[in-house]
Amino acid sequence: MSQMCKEDLLNYIDEISFTLYDLLLYLDTHPEDIEALNCFREYSQKRNQALKEYARFYGPLTADTAEDTPGNTWKWSQQPWPWEGGAC
């Protein structure tokens, strides 16, 4: 994945997340659908990669990607909150 601008990367994460959660709901009622399970795994990997990329360039969106930010300081609380124009 090449580096996207912040807004494009957020939109991509939203799209991937929507697809992933839709697959999750489907798998709740069709747990033996191997094709859907493989698709879920693929989108899960894409989402994790996108979240890590976002954290590296713009700051963490989730607590589990806070360690993917550069430097030796804790940046989770140092970025703007959503109501301050951050992450949305």
PDB file of N, CA and C in Angstrom:
ATOM      1  N   MET A   1       0.852  -1.168   0.000  1.00  0.00           N
ATOM      2  CA  MET A   1       0.000   0.000   0.000  1.00  0.00           C
ATOM      3  C   MET A   1       0.900   1.235   0.000  1.00  0.00           C
ATOM      4  N   SER A   2       0.738   2.095  -0.983  1.00  0.00           N
ATOM      5  CA  SER A   2       1.530   3.323  -1.000  1.00  0.00           C
ATOM      6  C   SER A   2       0.922   4.317  -0.016  1.00  0.00           C
ATOM      7  N   GLN A   3       1.741   5.273   0.406  1.00  0.00           N
ATOM      8  CA  GLN A   3       1.275   6.229   1.404  1.00  0.00           C
ATOM      9  C   GLN A   3       0.137   7.077   0.842  1.00  0.00           C
ATOM     10  N   MET A   4      -0.964   7.110   1.562  1.00  0.00           N
ATOM     11  CA  MET A   4      -2.137   7.898   1.182  1.00  0.00           C
ATOM     12  C   MET A   4      -2.165   9.154   2.045  1.00  0.00           C
ATOM     13  N   CYS A   5      -2.904  10.159   1.593  1.00  0.00           N
ATOM     14  CA  CYS A   5      -3.097  11.323   2.448  1.00  0.00           C
ATOM     15  C   CYS A   5      -3.985  10.897   3.625  1.00  0.00           C
ATOM     16  N   LYS A   6      -3.997  11.702   4.660  1.00  0.00           N
ATOM     17  CA  LYS A   6      -4.700  11.357   5.899  1.00  0.00           C
ATOM     18  C   LYS A   6      -6.176  11.046   5.645  1.00  0.00           C
ATOM     19  N   GLU A   7      -6.851  11.901   4.883  1.00  0.00           N
ATOM     20  CA  GLU A   7      -8.284  11.715   4.644  1.00  0.00           C
ATOM     21  C   GLU A   7      -8.551  10.439   3.850  1.00  0.00           C
ATOM     22  N   ASP A   8      -7.750  10.184   2.820  1.00  0.00           N
ATOM     23  CA  ASP A   8      -7.932   8.971   2.017  1.00  0.00           C
ATOM     24  C   ASP A   8      -7.682   7.713   2.843  1.00  0.00           C
ATOM     25  N   LEU A   9      -6.671   7.762   3.699  1.00  0.00           N
ATOM     26  CA  LEU A   9      -6.368   6.607   4.534  1.00  0.00           C
ATOM     27  C   LEU A   9      -7.482   6.355   5.547  1.00  0.00           C
ATOM     28  N   LEU A  10      -8.039   7.424   6.120  1.00  0.00           N
ATOM     29  CA  LEU A  10      -9.176   7.266   7.044  1.00  0.00           C
ATOM     30  C   LEU A  10     -10.381   6.663   6.325  1.00  0.00           C
ATOM     31  N   ASN A  11     -10.657   7.138   5.108  1.00  0.00           N
ATOM     32  CA  ASN A  11     -11.772   6.585   4.336  1.00  0.00           C
ATOM     33  C   ASN A  11     -11.534   5.106   4.025  1.00  0.00           C
ATOM     34  N   TYR A  12     -10.303   4.764   3.671  1.00  0.00           N
ATOM     35  CA  TYR A  12      -9.956   3.371   3.394  1.00  0.00           C
ATOM     36  C   TYR A  12     -10.163   2.509   4.638  1.00  0.00           C
ATOM     37  N   ILE A  13      -9.727   2.992   5.778  1.00  0.00           N
ATOM     38  CA  ILE A  13      -9.906   2.254   7.038  1.00  0.00           C
ATOM     39  C   ILE A  13     -11.389   2.081   7.339  1.00  0.00           C
ATOM     40  N   ASP A  14     -12.186   3.112   7.099  1.00  0.00           N
ATOM     41  CA  ASP A  14     -13.633   3.006   7.314  1.00  0.00           C
ATOM     42  C   ASP A  14     -14.259   1.955   6.401  1.00  0.00           C
ATOM     43  N   GLU A  15     -13.866   1.965   5.135  1.00  0.00           N
ATOM     44  CA  GLU A  15     -14.416   1.000   4.180  1.00  0.00           C
ATOM     45  C   GLU A  15     -14.034  -0.431   4.543  1.00  0.00           C
ATOM     46  N   ILE A  16     -12.772  -0.624   4.860  1.00  0.00           N
ATOM     47  CA  ILE A  16     -12.296  -1.954   5.242  1.00  0.00           C
ATOM     48  C   ILE A  16     -12.991  -2.412   6.526  1.00  0.00           C
ATOM     49  N   SER A  17     -13.132  -1.495   7.483  1.00  0.00           N
ATOM     50  CA  SER A  17     -13.770  -1.837   8.764  1.00  0.00           C
ATOM     51  C   SER A  17     -15.226  -2.231   8.553  1.00  0.00           C
ATOM     52  N   PHE A  18     -15.949  -1.498   7.699  1.00  0.00           N
ATOM     53  CA  PHE A  18     -17.344  -1.824   7.423  1.00  0.00           C
ATOM     54  C   PHE A  18     -17.453  -3.235   6.839  1.00  0.00           C
ATOM     55  N   THR A  19     -16.595  -3.517   5.861  1.00  0.00           N
ATOM     56  CA  THR A  19     -16.597  -4.838   5.233  1.00  0.00           C
ATOM     57  C   THR A  19     -16.265  -5.922   6.248  1.00  0.00           C
ATOM     58  N   LEU A  20     -15.274  -5.642   7.076  1.00  0.00           N
ATOM     59  CA  LEU A  20     -14.847  -6.611   8.084  1.00  0.00           C
ATOM     60  C   LEU A  20     -15.962  -6.913   9.080  1.00  0.00           C
ATOM     61  N   TYR A  21     -16.649  -5.880   9.564  1.00  0.00           N
ATOM     62  CA  TYR A  21     -17.728  -6.092  10.535  1.00  0.00           C
ATOM     63  C   TYR A  21     -18.927  -6.770   9.891  1.00  0.00           C
ATOM     64  N   ASP A  22     -19.176  -6.487   8.608  1.00  0.00           N
ATOM     65  CA  ASP A  22     -20.251  -7.169   7.901  1.00  0.00           C
ATOM     66  C   ASP A  22     -19.940  -8.665   7.781  1.00  0.00           C
ATOM     67  N   LEU A  23     -18.690  -8.968   7.443  1.00  0.00           N
ATOM     68  CA  LEU A  23     -18.271 -10.373   7.387  1.00  0.00           C
ATOM     69  C   LEU A  23     -18.367 -11.034   8.762  1.00  0.00           C
ATOM     70  N   LEU A  24     -18.019 -10.301   9.798  1.00  0.00           N
ATOM     71  CA  LEU A  24     -18.101 -10.818  11.156  1.00  0.00           C
ATOM     72  C   LEU A  24     -19.537 -11.233  11.489  1.00  0.00           C
ATOM     73  N   LEU A  25     -20.494 -10.381  11.150  1.00  0.00           N
ATOM     74  CA  LEU A  25     -21.901 -10.702  11.415  1.00  0.00           C
ATOM     75  C   LEU A  25     -22.349 -11.911  10.596  1.00  0.00           C
ATOM     76  N   TYR A  26     -21.924 -11.971   9.347  1.00  0.00           N
ATOM     77  CA  TYR A  26     -22.259 -13.115   8.501  1.00  0.00           C
ATOM     78  C   TYR A  26     -21.696 -14.405   9.091  1.00  0.00           C
ATOM     79  N   LEU A  27     -20.439 -14.338   9.523  1.00  0.00           N
ATOM     80  CA  LEU A  27     -19.806 -15.539  10.080  1.00  0.00           C
ATOM     81  C   LEU A  27     -20.453 -15.991  11.391  1.00  0.00           C
ATOM     82  N   ASP A  28     -21.090 -15.072  12.098  1.00  0.00           N
ATOM     83  CA  ASP A  28     -21.819 -15.461  13.311  1.00  0.00           C
ATOM     84  C   ASP A  28     -22.937 -16.450  12.990  1.00  0.00           C
ATOM     85  N   THR A  29     -23.528 -16.321  11.799  1.00  0.00           N
ATOM     86  CA  THR A  29     -24.628 -17.208  11.423  1.00  0.00           C
ATOM     87  C   THR A  29     -24.215 -18.274  10.415  1.00  0.00           C
ATOM     88  N   HIS A  30     -23.001 -18.139   9.852  1.00  0.00           N
ATOM     89  CA  HIS A  30     -22.493 -19.108   8.877  1.00  0.00           C
ATOM     90  C   HIS A  30     -21.040 -19.450   9.221  1.00  0.00           C
ATOM     91  N   PRO A  31     -20.800 -20.018  10.388  1.00  0.00           N
ATOM     92  CA  PRO A  31     -19.424 -20.214  10.861  1.00  0.00           C
ATOM     93  C   PRO A  31     -18.598 -21.206  10.046  1.00  0.00           C
ATOM     94  N   GLU A  32     -19.218 -21.980   9.199  1.00  0.00           N
ATOM     95  CA  GLU A  32     -18.467 -22.980   8.447  1.00  0.00           C
ATOM     96  C   GLU A  32     -18.232 -22.574   6.992  1.00  0.00           C
ATOM     97  N   ASP A  33     -18.531 -21.316   6.658  1.00  0.00           N
ATOM     98  CA  ASP A  33     -18.319 -20.818   5.306  1.00  0.00           C
ATOM     99  C   ASP A  33     -16.840 -20.450   5.151  1.00  0.00           C
ATOM    100  N   ILE A  34     -16.070 -21.343   4.560  1.00  0.00           N
ATOM    101  CA  ILE A  34     -14.622 -21.181   4.441  1.00  0.00           C
ATOM    102  C   ILE A  34     -14.270 -19.960   3.589  1.00  0.00           C
ATOM    103  N   GLU A  35     -15.030 -19.728   2.529  1.00  0.00           N
ATOM    104  CA  GLU A  35     -14.752 -18.573   1.665  1.00  0.00           C
ATOM    105  C   GLU A  35     -14.914 -17.265   2.438  1.00  0.00           C
ATOM    106  N   ALA A  36     -15.968 -17.168   3.225  1.00  0.00           N
ATOM    107  CA  ALA A  36     -16.191 -15.967   4.032  1.00  0.00           C
ATOM    108  C   ALA A  36     -15.114 -15.826   5.106  1.00  0.00           C
ATOM    109  N   LEU A  37     -14.703 -16.941   5.695  1.00  0.00           N
ATOM    110  CA  LEU A  37     -13.650 -16.903   6.714  1.00  0.00           C
ATOM    111  C   LEU A  37     -12.328 -16.427   6.115  1.00  0.00           C
ATOM    112  N   ASN A  38     -11.994 -16.915   4.928  1.00  0.00           N
ATOM    113  CA  ASN A  38     -10.776 -16.469   4.259  1.00  0.00           C
ATOM    114  C   ASN A  38     -10.850 -14.990   3.903  1.00  0.00           C
ATOM    115  N   CYS A  39     -12.015 -14.548   3.468  1.00  0.00           N
ATOM    116  CA  CYS A  39     -12.225 -13.135   3.154  1.00  0.00           C
ATOM    117  C   CYS A  39     -12.073 -12.287   4.420  1.00  0.00           C
ATOM    118  N   PHE A  40     -12.627 -12.764   5.545  1.00  0.00           N
ATOM    119  CA  PHE A  40     -12.494 -12.065   6.826  1.00  0.00           C
ATOM    120  C   PHE A  40     -11.019 -11.924   7.206  1.00  0.00           C
ATOM    121  N   ARG A  41     -10.274 -12.988   7.053  1.00  0.00           N
ATOM    122  CA  ARG A  41      -8.839 -12.949   7.389  1.00  0.00           C
ATOM    123  C   ARG A  41      -8.096 -11.946   6.504  1.00  0.00           C
ATOM    124  N   GLU A  42      -8.423 -11.938   5.224  1.00  0.00           N
ATOM    125  CA  GLU A  42      -7.773 -11.016   4.285  1.00  0.00           C
ATOM    126  C   GLU A  42      -8.055  -9.555   4.661  1.00  0.00           C
ATOM    127  N   TYR A  43      -9.321  -9.246   4.925  1.00  0.00           N
ATOM    128  CA  TYR A  43      -9.685  -7.870   5.273  1.00  0.00           C
ATOM    129  C   TYR A  43      -9.167  -7.476   6.650  1.00  0.00           C
ATOM    130  N   SER A  44      -9.092  -8.434   7.545  1.00  0.00           N
ATOM    131  CA  SER A  44      -8.529  -8.153   8.865  1.00  0.00           C
ATOM    132  C   SER A  44      -7.057  -7.753   8.740  1.00  0.00           C
ATOM    133  N   GLN A  45      -6.335  -8.469   7.903  1.00  0.00           N
ATOM    134  CA  GLN A  45      -4.926  -8.154   7.673  1.00  0.00           C
ATOM    135  C   GLN A  45      -4.780  -6.777   7.010  1.00  0.00           C
ATOM    136  N   LYS A  46      -5.636  -6.481   6.030  1.00  0.00           N
ATOM    137  CA  LYS A  46      -5.600  -5.173   5.372  1.00  0.00           C
ATOM    138  C   LYS A  46      -5.885  -4.044   6.364  1.00  0.00           C
ATOM    139  N   ARG A  47      -6.872  -4.259   7.245  1.00  0.00           N
ATOM    140  CA  ARG A  47      -7.223  -3.236   8.235  1.00  0.00           C
ATOM    141  C   ARG A  47      -6.065  -3.009   9.199  1.00  0.00           C
ATOM    142  N   ASN A  48      -5.471  -4.088   9.689  1.00  0.00           N
ATOM    143  CA  ASN A  48      -4.338  -3.950  10.611  1.00  0.00           C
ATOM    144  C   ASN A  48      -3.180  -3.206   9.962  1.00  0.00           C
ATOM    145  N   GLN A  49      -2.909  -3.518   8.711  1.00  0.00           N
ATOM    146  CA  GLN A  49      -1.830  -2.848   7.988  1.00  0.00           C
ATOM    147  C   GLN A  49      -2.149  -1.356   7.823  1.00  0.00           C
ATOM    148  N   ALA A  50      -3.381  -1.031   7.476  1.00  0.00           N
ATOM    149  CA  ALA A  50      -3.779   0.368   7.303  1.00  0.00           C
ATOM    150  C   ALA A  50      -3.717   1.126   8.629  1.00  0.00           C
ATOM    151  N   LEU A  51      -4.141   0.489   9.722  1.00  0.00           N
ATOM    152  CA  LEU A  51      -4.072   1.135  11.036  1.00  0.00           C
ATOM    153  C   LEU A  51      -2.625   1.405  11.444  1.00  0.00           C
ATOM    154  N   LYS A  52      -1.742   0.467  11.146  1.00  0.00           N
ATOM    155  CA  LYS A  52      -0.324   0.661  11.458  1.00  0.00           C
ATOM    156  C   LYS A  52       0.273   1.797  10.623  1.00  0.00           C
ATOM    157  N   GLU A  53      -0.112   1.840   9.342  1.00  0.00           N
ATOM    158  CA  GLU A  53       0.381   2.915   8.485  1.00  0.00           C
ATOM    159  C   GLU A  53      -0.124   4.267   8.978  1.00  0.00           C
ATOM    160  N   TYR A  54      -1.401   4.322   9.348  1.00  0.00           N
ATOM    161  CA  TYR A  54      -1.955   5.577   9.862  1.00  0.00           C
ATOM    162  C   TYR A  54      -1.201   6.014  11.120  1.00  0.00           C
ATOM    163  N   ALA A  55      -0.964   5.084  12.020  1.00  0.00           N
ATOM    164  CA  ALA A  55      -0.244   5.408  13.260  1.00  0.00           C
ATOM    165  C   ALA A  55       1.153   5.923  12.971  1.00  0.00           C
ATOM    166  N   ARG A  56       1.806   5.335  12.015  1.00  0.00           N
ATOM    167  CA  ARG A  56       3.177   5.732  11.701  1.00  0.00           C
ATOM    168  C   ARG A  56       3.245   7.170  11.172  1.00  0.00           C
ATOM    169  N   PHE A  57       2.258   7.575  10.372  1.00  0.00           N
ATOM    170  CA  PHE A  57       2.311   8.895   9.753  1.00  0.00           C
ATOM    171  C   PHE A  57       1.487   9.959  10.478  1.00  0.00           C
ATOM    172  N   TYR A  58       0.379   9.579  11.124  1.00  0.00           N
ATOM    173  CA  TYR A  58      -0.552  10.571  11.659  1.00  0.00           C
ATOM    174  C   TYR A  58      -0.886  10.397  13.132  1.00  0.00           C
ATOM    175  N   GLY A  59      -0.437   9.328  13.758  1.00  0.00           N
ATOM    176  CA  GLY A  59      -0.765   9.052  15.155  1.00  0.00           C
ATOM    177  C   GLY A  59      -1.753   7.910  15.248  1.00  0.00           C
ATOM    178  N   PRO A  60      -1.808   7.257  16.392  1.00  0.00           N
ATOM    179  CA  PRO A  60      -2.644   6.058  16.536  1.00  0.00           C
ATOM    180  C   PRO A  60      -4.138   6.356  16.552  1.00  0.00           C
ATOM    181  N   LEU A  61      -4.908   5.502  15.889  1.00  0.00           N
ATOM    182  CA  LEU A  61      -6.366   5.558  15.952  1.00  0.00           C
ATOM    183  C   LEU A  61      -6.904   4.617  17.014  1.00  0.00           C
ATOM    184  N   THR A  62      -6.151   3.569  17.294  1.00  0.00           N
ATOM    185  CA  THR A  62      -6.551   2.583  18.290  1.00  0.00           C
ATOM    186  C   THR A  62      -5.403   2.391  19.272  1.00  0.00           C
ATOM    187  N   ALA A  63      -5.741   1.981  20.465  1.00  0.00           N
ATOM    188  CA  ALA A  63      -4.709   1.805  21.494  1.00  0.00           C
ATOM    189  C   ALA A  63      -3.683   0.752  21.085  1.00  0.00           C
ATOM    190  N   ASP A  64      -4.113  -0.262  20.357  1.00  0.00           N
ATOM    191  CA  ASP A  64      -3.169  -1.314  19.988  1.00  0.00           C
ATOM    192  C   ASP A  64      -2.202  -0.893  18.876  1.00  0.00           C
ATOM    193  N   THR A  65      -2.409   0.274  18.264  1.00  0.00           N
ATOM    194  CA  THR A  65      -1.440   0.771  17.283  1.00  0.00           C
ATOM    195  C   THR A  65      -0.619   1.933  17.843  1.00  0.00           C
ATOM    196  N   ALA A  66      -0.802   2.242  19.110  1.00  0.00           N
ATOM    197  CA  ALA A  66      -0.038   3.339  19.717  1.00  0.00           C
ATOM    198  C   ALA A  66       1.449   3.058  19.712  1.00  0.00           C
ATOM    199  N   GLU A  67       1.831   1.792  19.749  1.00  0.00           N
ATOM    200  CA  GLU A  67       3.252   1.449  19.741  1.00  0.00           C
ATOM    201  C   GLU A  67       3.862   1.582  18.348  1.00  0.00           C
ATOM    202  N   ASP A  68       3.039   1.801  17.325  1.00  0.00           N
ATOM    203  CA  ASP A  68       3.539   1.919  15.955  1.00  0.00           C
ATOM    204  C   ASP A  68       3.909   3.346  15.571  1.00  0.00           C
ATOM    205  N   THR A  69       3.840   4.261  16.514  1.00  0.00           N
ATOM    206  CA  THR A  69       4.223   5.641  16.240  1.00  0.00           C
ATOM    207  C   THR A  69       5.722   5.803  16.450  1.00  0.00           C
ATOM    208  N   PRO A  70       6.346   6.643  15.642  1.00  0.00           N
ATOM    209  CA  PRO A  70       7.797   6.818  15.789  1.00  0.00           C
ATOM    210  C   PRO A  70       8.153   7.571  17.066  1.00  0.00           C
ATOM    211  N   GLY A  71       9.361   7.386  17.536  1.00  0.00           N
ATOM    212  CA  GLY A  71       9.846   8.108  18.705  1.00  0.00           C
ATOM    213  C   GLY A  71       9.754   7.305  19.977  1.00  0.00           C
ATOM    214  N   ASN A  72      10.174   7.930  21.053  1.00  0.00           N
ATOM    215  CA  ASN A  72      10.222   7.266  22.358  1.00  0.00           C
ATOM    216  C   ASN A  72       9.257   7.886  23.357  1.00  0.00           C
ATOM    217  N   THR A  73       8.179   8.492  22.881  1.00  0.00           N
ATOM    218  CA  THR A  73       7.194   9.076  23.792  1.00  0.00           C
ATOM    219  C   THR A  73       5.824   8.476  23.526  1.00  0.00           C
ATOM    220  N   TRP A  74       4.967   8.573  24.518  1.00  0.00           N
ATOM    221  CA  TRP A  74       3.601   8.079  24.412  1.00  0.00           C
ATOM    222  C   TRP A  74       2.773   9.143  23.709  1.00  0.00           C
ATOM    223  N   LYS A  75       2.246   8.841  22.510  1.00  0.00           N
ATOM    224  CA  LYS A  75       1.577   9.837  21.688  1.00  0.00           C
ATOM    225  C   LYS A  75       0.060   9.690  21.649  1.00  0.00           C
ATOM    226  N   TRP A  76      -0.461   8.700  22.331  1.00  0.00           N
ATOM    227  CA  TRP A  76      -1.902   8.458  22.280  1.00  0.00           C
ATOM    228  C   TRP A  76      -2.692   9.701  22.674  1.00  0.00           C
ATOM    229  N   SER A  77      -2.300  10.377  23.734  1.00  0.00           N
ATOM    230  CA  SER A  77      -3.065  11.534  24.216  1.00  0.00           C
ATOM    231  C   SER A  77      -2.522  12.862  23.704  1.00  0.00           C
ATOM    232  N   GLN A  78      -1.493  12.833  22.860  1.00  0.00           N
ATOM    233  CA  GLN A  78      -0.894  14.073  22.386  1.00  0.00           C
ATOM    234  C   GLN A  78      -1.469  14.555  21.057  1.00  0.00           C
ATOM    235  N   GLN A  79      -2.252  13.743  20.394  1.00  0.00           N
ATOM    236  CA  GLN A  79      -2.851  14.180  19.130  1.00  0.00           C
ATOM    237  C   GLN A  79      -4.193  14.842  19.405  1.00  0.00           C
ATOM    238  N   PRO A  80      -4.720  15.629  18.455  1.00  0.00           N
ATOM    239  CA  PRO A  80      -6.011  16.283  18.675  1.00  0.00           C
ATOM    240  C   PRO A  80      -7.136  15.263  18.865  1.00  0.00           C
ATOM    241  N   TRP A  81      -8.039  15.560  19.764  1.00  0.00           N
ATOM    242  CA  TRP A  81      -9.217  14.721  19.975  1.00  0.00           C
ATOM    243  C   TRP A  81     -10.184  14.942  18.813  1.00  0.00           C
ATOM    244  N   PRO A  82     -11.130  14.026  18.580  1.00  0.00           N
ATOM    245  CA  PRO A  82     -12.031  14.183  17.444  1.00  0.00           C
ATOM    246  C   PRO A  82     -12.750  15.532  17.420  1.00  0.00           C
ATOM    247  N   TRP A  83     -13.171  16.049  18.545  1.00  0.00           N
ATOM    248  CA  TRP A  83     -13.860  17.334  18.576  1.00  0.00           C
ATOM    249  C   TRP A  83     -12.918  18.516  18.365  1.00  0.00           C
ATOM    250  N   GLU A  84     -11.623  18.238  18.344  1.00  0.00           N
ATOM    251  CA  GLU A  84     -10.622  19.258  18.046  1.00  0.00           C
ATOM    252  C   GLU A  84     -10.123  19.150  16.609  1.00  0.00           C
ATOM    253  N   GLY A  85     -10.783  18.312  15.811  1.00  0.00           N
ATOM    254  CA  GLY A  85     -10.404  18.147  14.415  1.00  0.00           C
ATOM    255  C   GLY A  85      -9.476  16.973  14.160  1.00  0.00           C
ATOM    256  N   GLY A  86      -9.252  16.132  15.133  1.00  0.00           N
ATOM    257  CA  GLY A  86      -8.372  14.975  14.950  1.00  0.00           C
ATOM    258  C   GLY A  86      -9.146  13.728  14.603  1.00  0.00           C
ATOM    259  N   ALA A  87      -8.557  12.909  13.747  1.00  0.00           N
ATOM    260  CA  ALA A  87      -9.059  11.574  13.401  1.00  0.00           C
ATOM    261  C   ALA A  87     -10.475  11.542  12.867  1.00  0.00           C
ATOM    262  N   CYS A  88     -10.939  12.630  12.315  1.00  0.00           N
ATOM    263  CA  CYS A  88     -12.254  12.589  11.663  1.00  0.00           C
ATOM    264  C   CYS A  88     -12.401  13.739  10.712  1.00  0.00           C
TER     265      CYS A  88
END
